[in-house]
PDB file of N, CA and C in Angstrom:
ATOM      1  N   UNK A   1      49.164  -5.010 207.161  1.00  0.00           N
ATOM      2  CA  UNK A   1      48.810  -3.657 206.747  1.00  0.00           C
ATOM      3  C   UNK A   1      49.233  -3.468 205.291  1.00  0.00           C
ATOM      4  N   UNK A   2      48.342  -2.954 204.436  1.00  0.00           N
ATOM      5  CA  UNK A   2      48.703  -2.744 203.029  1.00  0.00           C
ATOM      6  C   UNK A   2      49.676  -1.573 202.877  1.00  0.00           C
ATOM      7  N   UNK A   3      50.356  -1.548 201.730  1.00  0.00           N
ATOM      8  CA  UNK A   3      51.275  -0.455 201.409  1.00  0.00           C
ATOM      9  C   UNK A   3      50.480   0.831 201.211  1.00  0.00           C
ATOM     10  N   UNK A   4      50.939   1.919 201.815  1.00  0.00           N
ATOM     11  CA  UNK A   4      50.220   3.194 201.763  1.00  0.00           C
ATOM     12  C   UNK A   4      51.153   4.284 201.245  1.00  0.00           C
ATOM     13  N   UNK A   5      50.876   4.845 200.062  1.00  0.00           N
ATOM     14  CA  UNK A   5      51.649   6.009 199.605  1.00  0.00           C
ATOM     15  C   UNK A   5      50.960   7.295 200.058  1.00  0.00           C
ATOM     16  N   UNK A   6      51.741   8.285 200.423  1.00  0.00           N
ATOM     17  CA  UNK A   6      51.195   9.590 200.806  1.00  0.00           C
ATOM     18  C   UNK A   6      52.011  10.665 200.116  1.00  0.00           C
ATOM     19  N   UNK A   7      51.339  11.663 199.558  1.00  0.00           N
ATOM     20  CA  UNK A   7      52.017  12.749 198.868  1.00  0.00           C
ATOM     21  C   UNK A   7      51.558  14.065 199.474  1.00  0.00           C
ATOM     22  N   UNK A   8      52.509  14.856 199.944  1.00  0.00           N
ATOM     23  CA  UNK A   8      52.233  16.211 200.438  1.00  0.00           C
ATOM     24  C   UNK A   8      52.661  17.183 199.362  1.00  0.00           C
ATOM     25  N   UNK A   9      51.808  18.130 199.043  1.00  0.00           N
ATOM     26  CA  UNK A   9      52.152  19.142 198.046  1.00  0.00           C
ATOM     27  C   UNK A   9      52.264  20.478 198.770  1.00  0.00           C
ATOM     28  N   UNK A  10      53.473  21.007 198.793  1.00  0.00           N
ATOM     29  CA  UNK A  10      53.737  22.252 199.498  1.00  0.00           C
ATOM     30  C   UNK A  10      53.723  23.413 198.526  1.00  0.00           C
ATOM     31  N   UNK A  11      53.002  24.466 198.880  1.00  0.00           N
ATOM     32  CA  UNK A  11      52.905  25.638 198.033  1.00  0.00           C
ATOM     33  C   UNK A  11      53.622  26.854 198.578  1.00  0.00           C
ATOM     34  N   UNK A  12      54.158  26.759 199.783  1.00  0.00           N
ATOM     35  CA  UNK A  12      54.830  27.906 200.390  1.00  0.00           C
ATOM     36  C   UNK A  12      56.178  27.462 200.944  1.00  0.00           C
ATOM     37  N   UNK A  13      57.164  28.305 200.836  1.00  0.00           N
ATOM     38  CA  UNK A  13      58.507  27.929 201.285  1.00  0.00           C
ATOM     39  C   UNK A  13      58.570  27.723 202.795  1.00  0.00           C
ATOM     40  N   UNK A  14      57.632  28.268 203.551  1.00  0.00           N
ATOM     41  CA  UNK A  14      57.635  28.044 204.997  1.00  0.00           C
ATOM     42  C   UNK A  14      57.366  26.578 205.335  1.00  0.00           C
ATOM     43  N   UNK A  15      56.729  25.834 204.424  1.00  0.00           N
ATOM     44  CA  UNK A  15      56.487  24.405 204.628  1.00  0.00           C
ATOM     45  C   UNK A  15      57.650  23.552 204.154  1.00  0.00           C
ATOM     46  N   UNK A  16      58.507  24.110 203.317  1.00  0.00           N
ATOM     47  CA  UNK A  16      59.583  23.341 202.707  1.00  0.00           C
ATOM     48  C   UNK A  16      60.773  23.235 203.645  1.00  0.00           C
ATOM     49  N   UNK A  17      61.556  22.208 203.424  1.00  0.00           N
ATOM     50  CA  UNK A  17      62.797  22.057 204.173  1.00  0.00           C
ATOM     51  C   UNK A  17      63.849  22.950 203.537  1.00  0.00           C
ATOM     52  N   UNK A  18      64.357  23.881 204.291  1.00  0.00           N
ATOM     53  CA  UNK A  18      65.303  24.847 203.740  1.00  0.00           C
ATOM     54  C   UNK A  18      66.605  24.230 203.279  1.00  0.00           C
ATOM     55  N   UNK A  19      67.061  23.169 203.938  1.00  0.00           N
ATOM     56  CA  UNK A  19      68.340  22.570 203.570  1.00  0.00           C
ATOM     57  C   UNK A  19      68.257  21.718 202.304  1.00  0.00           C
ATOM     58  N   UNK A  20      67.074  21.340 201.891  1.00  0.00           N
ATOM     59  CA  UNK A  20      66.910  20.488 200.722  1.00  0.00           C
ATOM     60  C   UNK A  20      65.991  21.191 199.732  1.00  0.00           C
ATOM     61  N   UNK A  21      66.535  21.581 198.587  1.00  0.00           N
ATOM     62  CA  UNK A  21      65.753  22.328 197.599  1.00  0.00           C
ATOM     63  C   UNK A  21      65.330  21.454 196.423  1.00  0.00           C
ATOM     64  N   UNK A  22      65.258  20.144 196.644  1.00  0.00           N
ATOM     65  CA  UNK A  22      64.809  19.244 195.588  1.00  0.00           C
ATOM     66  C   UNK A  22      63.296  19.323 195.457  1.00  0.00           C
ATOM     67  N   UNK A  23      62.825  19.105 194.238  1.00  0.00           N
ATOM     68  CA  UNK A  23      61.396  19.164 193.962  1.00  0.00           C
ATOM     69  C   UNK A  23      60.649  18.027 194.658  1.00  0.00           C
ATOM     70  N   UNK A  24      61.225  16.849 194.653  1.00  0.00           N
ATOM     71  CA  UNK A  24      60.588  15.674 195.268  1.00  0.00           C
ATOM     72  C   UNK A  24      61.482  15.151 196.378  1.00  0.00           C
ATOM     73  N   UNK A  25      60.889  14.955 197.548  1.00  0.00           N
ATOM     74  CA  UNK A  25      61.628  14.427 198.689  1.00  0.00           C
ATOM     75  C   UNK A  25      60.926  13.203 199.226  1.00  0.00           C
ATOM     76  N   UNK A  26      61.702  12.211 199.576  1.00  0.00           N
ATOM     77  CA  UNK A  26      61.180  11.032 200.240  1.00  0.00           C
ATOM     78  C   UNK A  26      61.353  11.236 201.748  1.00  0.00           C
ATOM     79  N   UNK A  27      60.304  11.005 202.498  1.00  0.00           N
ATOM     80  CA  UNK A  27      60.315  11.207 203.942  1.00  0.00           C
ATOM     81  C   UNK A  27      60.131   9.856 204.628  1.00  0.00           C
ATOM     82  N   UNK A  28      60.931   9.609 205.650  1.00  0.00           N
ATOM     83  CA  UNK A  28      60.811   8.375 206.427  1.00  0.00           C
ATOM     84  C   UNK A  28      60.417   8.731 207.854  1.00  0.00           C
ATOM     85  N   UNK A  29      59.408   8.057 208.365  1.00  0.00           N
ATOM     86  CA  UNK A  29      59.014   8.238 209.755  1.00  0.00           C
ATOM     87  C   UNK A  29      59.859   7.294 210.595  1.00  0.00           C
ATOM     88  N   UNK A  30      60.627   7.859 211.528  1.00  0.00           N
ATOM     89  CA  UNK A  30      61.507   7.041 212.357  1.00  0.00           C
ATOM     90  C   UNK A  30      61.142   7.229 213.834  1.00  0.00           C
ATOM     91  N   UNK A  31      61.551   6.254 214.627  1.00  0.00           N
ATOM     92  CA  UNK A  31      61.344   6.352 216.069  1.00  0.00           C
ATOM     93  C   UNK A  31      62.233   7.435 216.656  1.00  0.00           C
ATOM     94  N   UNK A  32      61.774   8.066 217.730  1.00  0.00           N
ATOM     95  CA  UNK A  32      62.524   9.145 218.373  1.00  0.00           C
ATOM     96  C   UNK A  32      63.777   8.656 219.095  1.00  0.00           C
ATOM     97  N   UNK A  33      63.737   7.467 219.646  1.00  0.00           N
ATOM     98  CA  UNK A  33      64.836   6.961 220.456  1.00  0.00           C
ATOM     99  C   UNK A  33      65.696   5.993 219.664  1.00  0.00           C
ATOM    100  N   UNK A  34      66.919   5.809 220.136  1.00  0.00           N
ATOM    101  CA  UNK A  34      67.852   4.884 219.484  1.00  0.00           C
ATOM    102  C   UNK A  34      67.390   3.452 219.683  1.00  0.00           C
ATOM    103  N   UNK A  35      67.548   2.572 218.731  1.00  0.00           N
ATOM    104  CA  UNK A  35      68.010   2.861 217.368  1.00  0.00           C
ATOM    105  C   UNK A  35      66.895   3.505 216.557  1.00  0.00           C
ATOM    106  N   UNK A  36      67.224   4.462 215.744  1.00  0.00           N
ATOM    107  CA  UNK A  36      66.233   5.205 214.956  1.00  0.00           C
ATOM    108  C   UNK A  36      65.829   4.397 213.718  1.00  0.00           C
ATOM    109  N   UNK A  37      65.034   3.409 213.935  1.00  0.00           N
ATOM    110  CA  UNK A  37      64.544   2.566 212.844  1.00  0.00           C
ATOM    111  C   UNK A  37      63.325   3.199 212.199  1.00  0.00           C
ATOM    112  N   UNK A  38      63.054   2.787 210.966  1.00  0.00           N
ATOM    113  CA  UNK A  38      61.844   3.247 210.283  1.00  0.00           C
ATOM    114  C   UNK A  38      60.643   2.715 211.039  1.00  0.00           C
ATOM    115  N   UNK A  39      59.732   3.598 211.395  1.00  0.00           N
ATOM    116  CA  UNK A  39      58.593   3.230 212.238  1.00  0.00           C
ATOM    117  C   UNK A  39      57.543   2.416 211.484  1.00  0.00           C
ATOM    118  N   UNK A  40      57.201   2.843 210.286  1.00  0.00           N
ATOM    119  CA  UNK A  40      56.149   2.164 209.527  1.00  0.00           C
ATOM    120  C   UNK A  40      56.698   1.858 208.132  1.00  0.00           C
ATOM    121  N   UNK A  41      57.058   0.646 207.889  1.00  0.00           N
ATOM    122  CA  UNK A  41      57.675   0.275 206.603  1.00  0.00           C
ATOM    123  C   UNK A  41      56.670   0.290 205.450  1.00  0.00           C
ATOM    124  N   UNK A  42      55.391   0.135 205.740  1.00  0.00           N
ATOM    125  CA  UNK A  42      54.372   0.110 204.691  1.00  0.00           C
ATOM    126  C   UNK A  42      53.941   1.501 204.260  1.00  0.00           C
ATOM    127  N   UNK A  43      54.507   2.543 204.864  1.00  0.00           N
ATOM    128  CA  UNK A  43      54.106   3.907 204.544  1.00  0.00           C
ATOM    129  C   UNK A  43      55.236   4.609 203.803  1.00  0.00           C
ATOM    130  N   UNK A  44      54.950   5.094 202.607  1.00  0.00           N
ATOM    131  CA  UNK A  44      55.907   5.882 201.843  1.00  0.00           C
ATOM    132  C   UNK A  44      55.360   7.292 201.707  1.00  0.00           C
ATOM    133  N   UNK A  45      56.110   8.266 202.222  1.00  0.00           N
ATOM    134  CA  UNK A  45      55.676   9.655 202.204  1.00  0.00           C
ATOM    135  C   UNK A  45      56.612  10.451 201.310  1.00  0.00           C
ATOM    136  N   UNK A  46      56.030  11.257 200.439  1.00  0.00           N
ATOM    137  CA  UNK A  46      56.806  12.101 199.540  1.00  0.00           C
ATOM    138  C   UNK A  46      56.299  13.537 199.650  1.00  0.00           C
ATOM    139  N   UNK A  47      57.217  14.473 199.652  1.00  0.00           N
ATOM    140  CA  UNK A  47      56.884  15.890 199.620  1.00  0.00           C
ATOM    141  C   UNK A  47      57.211  16.441 198.243  1.00  0.00           C
ATOM    142  N   UNK A  48      56.260  17.135 197.641  1.00  0.00           N
ATOM    143  CA  UNK A  48      56.504  17.867 196.399  1.00  0.00           C
ATOM    144  C   UNK A  48      56.552  19.335 196.781  1.00  0.00           C
ATOM    145  N   UNK A  49      57.690  19.967 196.534  1.00  0.00           N
ATOM    146  CA  UNK A  49      57.903  21.348 196.953  1.00  0.00           C
ATOM    147  C   UNK A  49      57.755  22.271 195.746  1.00  0.00           C
ATOM    148  N   UNK A  50      56.529  22.678 195.480  1.00  0.00           N
ATOM    149  CA  UNK A  50      56.243  23.502 194.302  1.00  0.00           C
ATOM    150  C   UNK A  50      57.059  24.799 194.217  1.00  0.00           C
ATOM    151  N   UNK A  51      57.373  25.466 195.325  1.00  0.00           N
ATOM    152  CA  UNK A  51      58.147  26.706 195.191  1.00  0.00           C
ATOM    153  C   UNK A  51      59.508  26.515 194.521  1.00  0.00           C
ATOM    154  N   UNK A  52      60.022  25.295 194.523  1.00  0.00           N
ATOM    155  CA  UNK A  52      61.332  25.036 193.913  1.00  0.00           C
ATOM    156  C   UNK A  52      61.232  24.571 192.461  1.00  0.00           C
ATOM    157  N   UNK A  53      60.045  24.588 191.880  1.00  0.00           N
ATOM    158  CA  UNK A  53      59.870  24.116 190.503  1.00  0.00           C
ATOM    159  C   UNK A  53      60.710  24.908 189.509  1.00  0.00           C
ATOM    160  N   UNK A  54      60.785  26.212 189.681  1.00  0.00           N
ATOM    161  CA  UNK A  54      61.527  27.030 188.722  1.00  0.00           C
ATOM    162  C   UNK A  54      63.039  26.862 188.827  1.00  0.00           C
ATOM    163  N   UNK A  55      63.516  26.202 189.872  1.00  0.00           N
ATOM    164  CA  UNK A  55      64.949  25.986 190.006  1.00  0.00           C
ATOM    165  C   UNK A  55      65.404  24.658 189.397  1.00  0.00           C
ATOM    166  N   UNK A  56      64.463  23.826 188.922  1.00  0.00           N
ATOM    167  CA  UNK A  56      64.836  22.574 188.270  1.00  0.00           C
ATOM    168  C   UNK A  56      64.729  22.735 186.753  1.00  0.00           C
ATOM    169  N   UNK A  57      65.432  21.863 186.057  1.00  0.00           N
ATOM    170  CA  UNK A  57      65.433  21.908 184.588  1.00  0.00           C
ATOM    171  C   UNK A  57      64.058  21.520 184.054  1.00  0.00           C
ATOM    172  N   UNK A  58      63.578  22.284 183.083  1.00  0.00           N
ATOM    173  CA  UNK A  58      62.268  22.012 182.470  1.00  0.00           C
ATOM    174  C   UNK A  58      62.358  20.738 181.648  1.00  0.00           C
ATOM    175  N   UNK A  59      61.490  19.788 181.952  1.00  0.00           N
ATOM    176  CA  UNK A  59      61.440  18.510 181.231  1.00  0.00           C
ATOM    177  C   UNK A  59      60.002  18.221 180.835  1.00  0.00           C
ATOM    178  N   UNK A  60      59.571  18.734 179.709  1.00  0.00           N
ATOM    179  CA  UNK A  60      58.187  18.550 179.286  1.00  0.00           C
ATOM    180  C   UNK A  60      57.867  17.122 178.880  1.00  0.00           C
ATOM    181  N   UNK A  61      58.886  16.291 178.694  1.00  0.00           N
ATOM    182  CA  UNK A  61      58.645  14.875 178.377  1.00  0.00           C
ATOM    183  C   UNK A  61      58.486  14.030 179.647  1.00  0.00           C
ATOM    184  N   UNK A  62      58.700  14.628 180.810  1.00  0.00           N
ATOM    185  CA  UNK A  62      58.596  13.928 182.082  1.00  0.00           C
ATOM    186  C   UNK A  62      57.197  14.177 182.670  1.00  0.00           C
ATOM    187  N   UNK A  63      56.380  13.126 182.812  1.00  0.00           N
ATOM    188  CA  UNK A  63      55.021  13.316 183.332  1.00  0.00           C
ATOM    189  C   UNK A  63      54.994  13.924 184.737  1.00  0.00           C
ATOM    190  N   UNK A  64      55.952  13.562 185.584  1.00  0.00           N
ATOM    191  CA  UNK A  64      55.995  14.139 186.929  1.00  0.00           C
ATOM    192  C   UNK A  64      56.219  15.652 186.863  1.00  0.00           C
ATOM    193  N   UNK A  65      57.148  16.078 186.029  1.00  0.00           N
ATOM    194  CA  UNK A  65      57.406  17.515 185.876  1.00  0.00           C
ATOM    195  C   UNK A  65      56.146  18.222 185.364  1.00  0.00           C
ATOM    196  N   UNK A  66      55.455  17.632 184.408  1.00  0.00           N
ATOM    197  CA  UNK A  66      54.253  18.259 183.835  1.00  0.00           C
ATOM    198  C   UNK A  66      53.144  18.394 184.879  1.00  0.00           C
ATOM    199  N   UNK A  67      52.958  17.370 185.729  1.00  0.00           N
ATOM    200  CA  UNK A  67      51.966  17.472 186.795  1.00  0.00           C
ATOM    201  C   UNK A  67      52.346  18.575 187.774  1.00  0.00           C
ATOM    202  N   UNK A  68      53.627  18.653 188.113  1.00  0.00           N
ATOM    203  CA  UNK A  68      54.085  19.703 189.028  1.00  0.00           C
ATOM    204  C   UNK A  68      53.884  21.081 188.406  1.00  0.00           C
ATOM    205  N   UNK A  69      54.157  21.206 187.108  1.00  0.00           N
ATOM    206  CA  UNK A  69      53.963  22.491 186.415  1.00  0.00           C
ATOM    207  C   UNK A  69      52.480  22.865 186.425  1.00  0.00           C
ATOM    208  N   UNK A  70      51.607  21.888 186.192  1.00  0.00           N
ATOM    209  CA  UNK A  70      50.163  22.135 186.225  1.00  0.00           C
ATOM    210  C   UNK A  70      49.738  22.648 187.597  1.00  0.00           C
ATOM    211  N   UNK A  71      50.160  21.973 188.658  1.00  0.00           N
ATOM    212  CA  UNK A  71      49.811  22.394 190.010  1.00  0.00           C
ATOM    213  C   UNK A  71      50.409  23.755 190.343  1.00  0.00           C
ATOM    214  N   UNK A  72      51.628  23.995 189.897  1.00  0.00           N
ATOM    215  CA  UNK A  72      52.297  25.274 190.135  1.00  0.00           C
ATOM    216  C   UNK A  72      51.532  26.423 189.479  1.00  0.00           C
ATOM    217  N   UNK A  73      51.178  26.244 188.209  1.00  0.00           N
ATOM    218  CA  UNK A  73      50.457  27.289 187.479  1.00  0.00           C
ATOM    219  C   UNK A  73      49.082  27.549 188.089  1.00  0.00           C
ATOM    220  N   UNK A  74      48.406  26.497 188.518  1.00  0.00           N
ATOM    221  CA  UNK A  74      47.093  26.661 189.127  1.00  0.00           C
ATOM    222  C   UNK A  74      47.210  27.406 190.452  1.00  0.00           C
ATOM    223  N   UNK A  75      48.218  27.067 191.252  1.00  0.00           N
ATOM    224  CA  UNK A  75      48.350  27.656 192.582  1.00  0.00           C
ATOM    225  C   UNK A  75      48.919  29.075 192.558  1.00  0.00           C
ATOM    226  N   UNK A  76      50.021  29.258 191.849  1.00  0.00           N
ATOM    227  CA  UNK A  76      50.715  30.539 191.908  1.00  0.00           C
ATOM    228  C   UNK A  76      50.214  31.559 190.888  1.00  0.00           C
ATOM    229  N   UNK A  77      49.714  31.101 189.747  1.00  0.00           N
ATOM    230  CA  UNK A  77      49.287  32.022 188.694  1.00  0.00           C
ATOM    231  C   UNK A  77      47.782  32.008 188.467  1.00  0.00           C
ATOM    232  N   UNK A  78      47.041  31.318 189.326  1.00  0.00           N
ATOM    233  CA  UNK A  78      45.568  31.275 189.266  1.00  0.00           C
ATOM    234  C   UNK A  78      45.040  30.907 187.878  1.00  0.00           C
ATOM    235  N   UNK A  79      45.642  29.914 187.286  1.00  0.00           N
ATOM    236  CA  UNK A  79      45.192  29.465 185.966  1.00  0.00           C
ATOM    237  C   UNK A  79      44.355  28.197 186.100  1.00  0.00           C
ATOM    238  N   UNK A  80      43.421  28.047 185.194  1.00  0.00           N
ATOM    239  CA  UNK A  80      42.614  26.836 185.126  1.00  0.00           C
ATOM    240  C   UNK A  80      43.366  25.782 184.330  1.00  0.00           C
ATOM    241  N   UNK A  81      43.091  24.487 184.565  1.00  0.00           N
ATOM    242  CA  UNK A  81      43.779  23.448 183.803  1.00  0.00           C
ATOM    243  C   UNK A  81      43.645  23.623 182.282  1.00  0.00           C
ATOM    244  N   UNK A  82      42.483  24.048 181.801  1.00  0.00           N
ATOM    245  CA  UNK A  82      42.292  24.230 180.363  1.00  0.00           C
ATOM    246  C   UNK A  82      43.222  25.299 179.816  1.00  0.00           C
ATOM    247  N   UNK A  83      43.464  26.369 180.579  1.00  0.00           N
ATOM    248  CA  UNK A  83      44.397  27.411 180.162  1.00  0.00           C
ATOM    249  C   UNK A  83      45.819  26.864 180.068  1.00  0.00           C
ATOM    250  N   UNK A  84      46.170  26.028 181.008  1.00  0.00           N
ATOM    251  CA  UNK A  84      47.527  25.478 181.042  1.00  0.00           C
ATOM    252  C   UNK A  84      47.719  24.504 179.882  1.00  0.00           C
ATOM    253  N   UNK A  85      46.726  23.683 179.599  1.00  0.00           N
ATOM    254  CA  UNK A  85      46.824  22.750 178.468  1.00  0.00           C
ATOM    255  C   UNK A  85      46.988  23.481 177.149  1.00  0.00           C
ATOM    256  N   UNK A  86      46.427  24.672 177.041  1.00  0.00           N
ATOM    257  CA  UNK A  86      46.499  25.440 175.799  1.00  0.00           C
ATOM    258  C   UNK A  86      47.843  26.165 175.639  1.00  0.00           C
ATOM    259  N   UNK A  87      48.670  26.168 176.669  1.00  0.00           N
ATOM    260  CA  UNK A  87      49.972  26.854 176.590  1.00  0.00           C
ATOM    261  C   UNK A  87      50.910  26.130 175.657  1.00  0.00           C
ATOM    262  N   UNK A  88      51.864  26.854 175.117  1.00  0.00           N
ATOM    263  CA  UNK A  88      52.884  26.263 174.254  1.00  0.00           C
ATOM    264  C   UNK A  88      54.114  25.962 175.064  1.00  0.00           C
ATOM    265  N   UNK A  89      54.845  24.909 174.800  1.00  0.00           N
ATOM    266  CA  UNK A  89      54.540  23.835 173.822  1.00  0.00           C
ATOM    267  C   UNK A  89      53.567  22.821 174.373  1.00  0.00           C
TER     268      UNK A  89
END
């Protein structure tokens, strides 16, 4: 089986894990019964929690942060990508 990356983008806090307020989370699928081993090693799942974007330090030199900011502005502020690109800086 080939390596499969999956990215979930959450736009509402009801989808986010309340105990973890990090912008990017790595999720592992594990078996329900002991021993709780990783079920699918070829699958990497990441959650991007957009509601927590404003709680992290702004890093405009970080491409991941910029993509998250773009998605955040489009989702929460109803802006088009062209409007966001025109923003300063």
